[in-house]
């Protein structure tokens, strides 16, 4: 059976990695794997930014209370101090979950590479 050639300027042309005008299953799968890797990388970047944003908020929260006290905004100080325990526990749980997941993934990858070496 003859391979089907791509039309000129086909929307599938980007999958033809070797430029022979034919999109093989291997080329299509490789493109899908690359897309999946890019998406995972973007997800990890977003999670990292979220964790750093949450940590920044934890550091700036006391500063907001001090500024409110200096500006003589007693109602703001009261409101901030009322929600502080809930805020700090929530942010700490979020950051702990992120770093816990990272440690788990790292240990899982390390054990997988050890098992791979044992096979050899």
Protein backbone atom coordinates (compact mmCIF):
# COMPACT_ATOMS: atom_id res chain seq x y z
CA UNK A 1 0.00 0.00 0.00
CA UNK A 2 1.39 3.44 -0.95
CA UNK A 3 1.87 6.13 1.65
CA UNK A 4 -0.47 9.06 1.37
CA UNK A 5 1.32 12.35 0.62
CA UNK A 6 0.38 15.62 2.24
CA UNK A 7 -1.14 18.44 0.27
CA UNK A 8 0.87 21.62 0.03
CA UNK A 9 0.31 23.89 3.05
CA UNK A 10 -1.66 21.17 4.82
CA UNK A 11 -2.57 21.76 8.46
CA UNK A 12 -0.87 18.42 9.19
CA UNK A 13 2.41 19.57 7.69
CA UNK A 14 3.76 20.44 11.15
CA UNK A 15 3.68 16.72 12.06
CA UNK A 16 6.05 15.83 9.22
CA UNK A 17 9.24 15.95 11.27
CA UNK A 18 11.63 14.59 8.63
CA UNK A 19 10.19 16.63 5.75
CA UNK A 20 9.45 13.71 3.42
CA UNK A 21 5.83 14.74 2.84
CA UNK A 22 4.46 11.72 4.74
CA UNK A 23 3.25 11.82 8.34
CA UNK A 24 3.99 8.50 9.99
CA UNK A 25 2.47 7.25 13.23
CA UNK A 26 5.85 7.68 14.91
CA UNK A 27 6.06 11.32 13.85
CA UNK A 28 2.53 11.99 15.06
CA UNK A 29 3.19 10.26 18.41
CA UNK A 30 6.43 12.20 18.86
CA UNK A 31 4.57 15.46 18.34
CA UNK A 32 1.94 14.40 20.88
CA UNK A 33 4.66 13.54 23.41
CA UNK A 34 6.29 16.94 22.90
CA UNK A 35 2.96 18.70 23.43
CA UNK A 36 2.36 16.69 26.60
CA UNK A 37 5.84 17.60 27.91
CA UNK A 38 5.26 21.29 27.17
CA UNK A 39 1.92 21.21 28.97
CA UNK A 40 3.44 19.49 32.01
CA UNK A 41 6.21 22.08 32.08
CA UNK A 42 3.69 24.93 31.96
CA UNK A 43 1.68 23.30 34.75
CA UNK A 44 4.78 22.95 36.91
CA UNK A 45 5.70 26.59 36.27
CA UNK A 46 2.19 27.70 37.26
CA UNK A 47 2.34 25.66 40.47
CA UNK A 48 5.77 27.07 41.30
CA UNK A 49 4.51 30.63 40.77
CA UNK A 50 1.47 29.91 42.93
CA UNK A 51 3.67 28.63 45.78
CA UNK A 52 5.98 31.66 45.61
CA UNK A 53 3.01 34.03 45.43
CA UNK A 54 1.50 32.38 48.52
CA UNK A 55 4.82 32.61 50.38
CA UNK A 56 5.13 36.28 49.42
CA UNK A 57 1.65 36.87 50.78
CA UNK A 58 2.60 35.24 54.07
CA UNK A 59 5.59 37.57 54.35
CA UNK A 60 3.67 40.69 53.36
CA UNK A 61 0.68 40.01 55.63
CA UNK A 62 2.39 41.28 58.81
CA UNK A 63 3.63 44.29 56.86
CA UNK A 64 0.02 45.09 55.91
CA UNK A 65 -0.93 44.96 59.58
CA UNK A 66 1.94 47.29 60.54
CA UNK A 67 1.06 49.78 57.80
CA UNK A 68 -2.59 49.70 58.85
CA UNK A 69 -1.60 50.36 62.47
CA UNK A 70 0.70 53.23 61.45
CA UNK A 71 -2.06 54.72 59.28
CA UNK A 72 -4.35 54.50 62.32
CA UNK A 73 -6.81 52.20 60.56
CA UNK A 74 -7.89 50.22 63.60
CA UNK A 75 -10.76 48.48 61.78
CA UNK A 76 -8.29 47.19 59.15
CA UNK A 77 -5.94 45.94 61.87
CA UNK A 78 -8.84 44.19 63.60
CA UNK A 79 -10.02 42.58 60.36
CA UNK A 80 -6.52 41.45 59.42
CA UNK A 81 -5.87 40.00 62.86
CA UNK A 82 -9.24 38.19 62.83
CA UNK A 83 -8.50 36.34 59.60
CA UNK A 84 -4.77 35.81 60.22
CA UNK A 85 -5.01 32.30 61.75
CA UNK A 86 -7.16 30.98 58.92
CA UNK A 87 -5.01 32.68 56.28
CA UNK A 88 -1.70 31.36 57.59
CA UNK A 89 -2.99 27.80 58.03
CA UNK A 90 -4.47 27.79 54.52
CA UNK A 91 -1.37 29.17 52.85
CA UNK A 92 0.90 26.86 54.85
CA UNK A 93 -1.20 23.86 53.74
CA UNK A 94 -1.03 24.99 50.12
CA UNK A 95 2.74 25.43 50.20
CA UNK A 96 3.24 22.16 52.11
CA UNK A 97 1.16 20.29 49.55
CA UNK A 98 3.23 21.76 46.72
CA UNK A 99 6.59 20.91 48.28
CA UNK A 100 5.32 17.51 49.41
CA UNK A 101 4.26 16.69 45.86
CA UNK A 102 7.63 17.83 44.53
CA UNK A 103 9.48 15.64 47.04
CA UNK A 104 7.27 12.66 46.22
CA UNK A 105 7.82 13.04 42.48
CA UNK A 106 11.55 13.43 42.98
CA UNK A 107 11.76 10.30 45.18
CA UNK A 108 9.58 8.37 42.72
CA UNK A 109 11.85 9.38 39.83
CA UNK A 110 14.95 8.46 41.83
CA UNK A 111 13.58 5.01 42.71
CA UNK A 112 12.58 4.44 39.08
CA UNK A 113 16.09 5.25 37.88
CA UNK A 114 17.59 2.91 40.52
CA UNK A 115 15.33 0.10 39.33
CA UNK A 116 16.33 0.83 35.75
CA UNK A 117 20.02 0.59 36.68
CA UNK A 118 19.42 -2.69 38.50
CA UNK A 119 18.07 -4.25 35.31
CA UNK A 120 21.33 -3.57 33.52
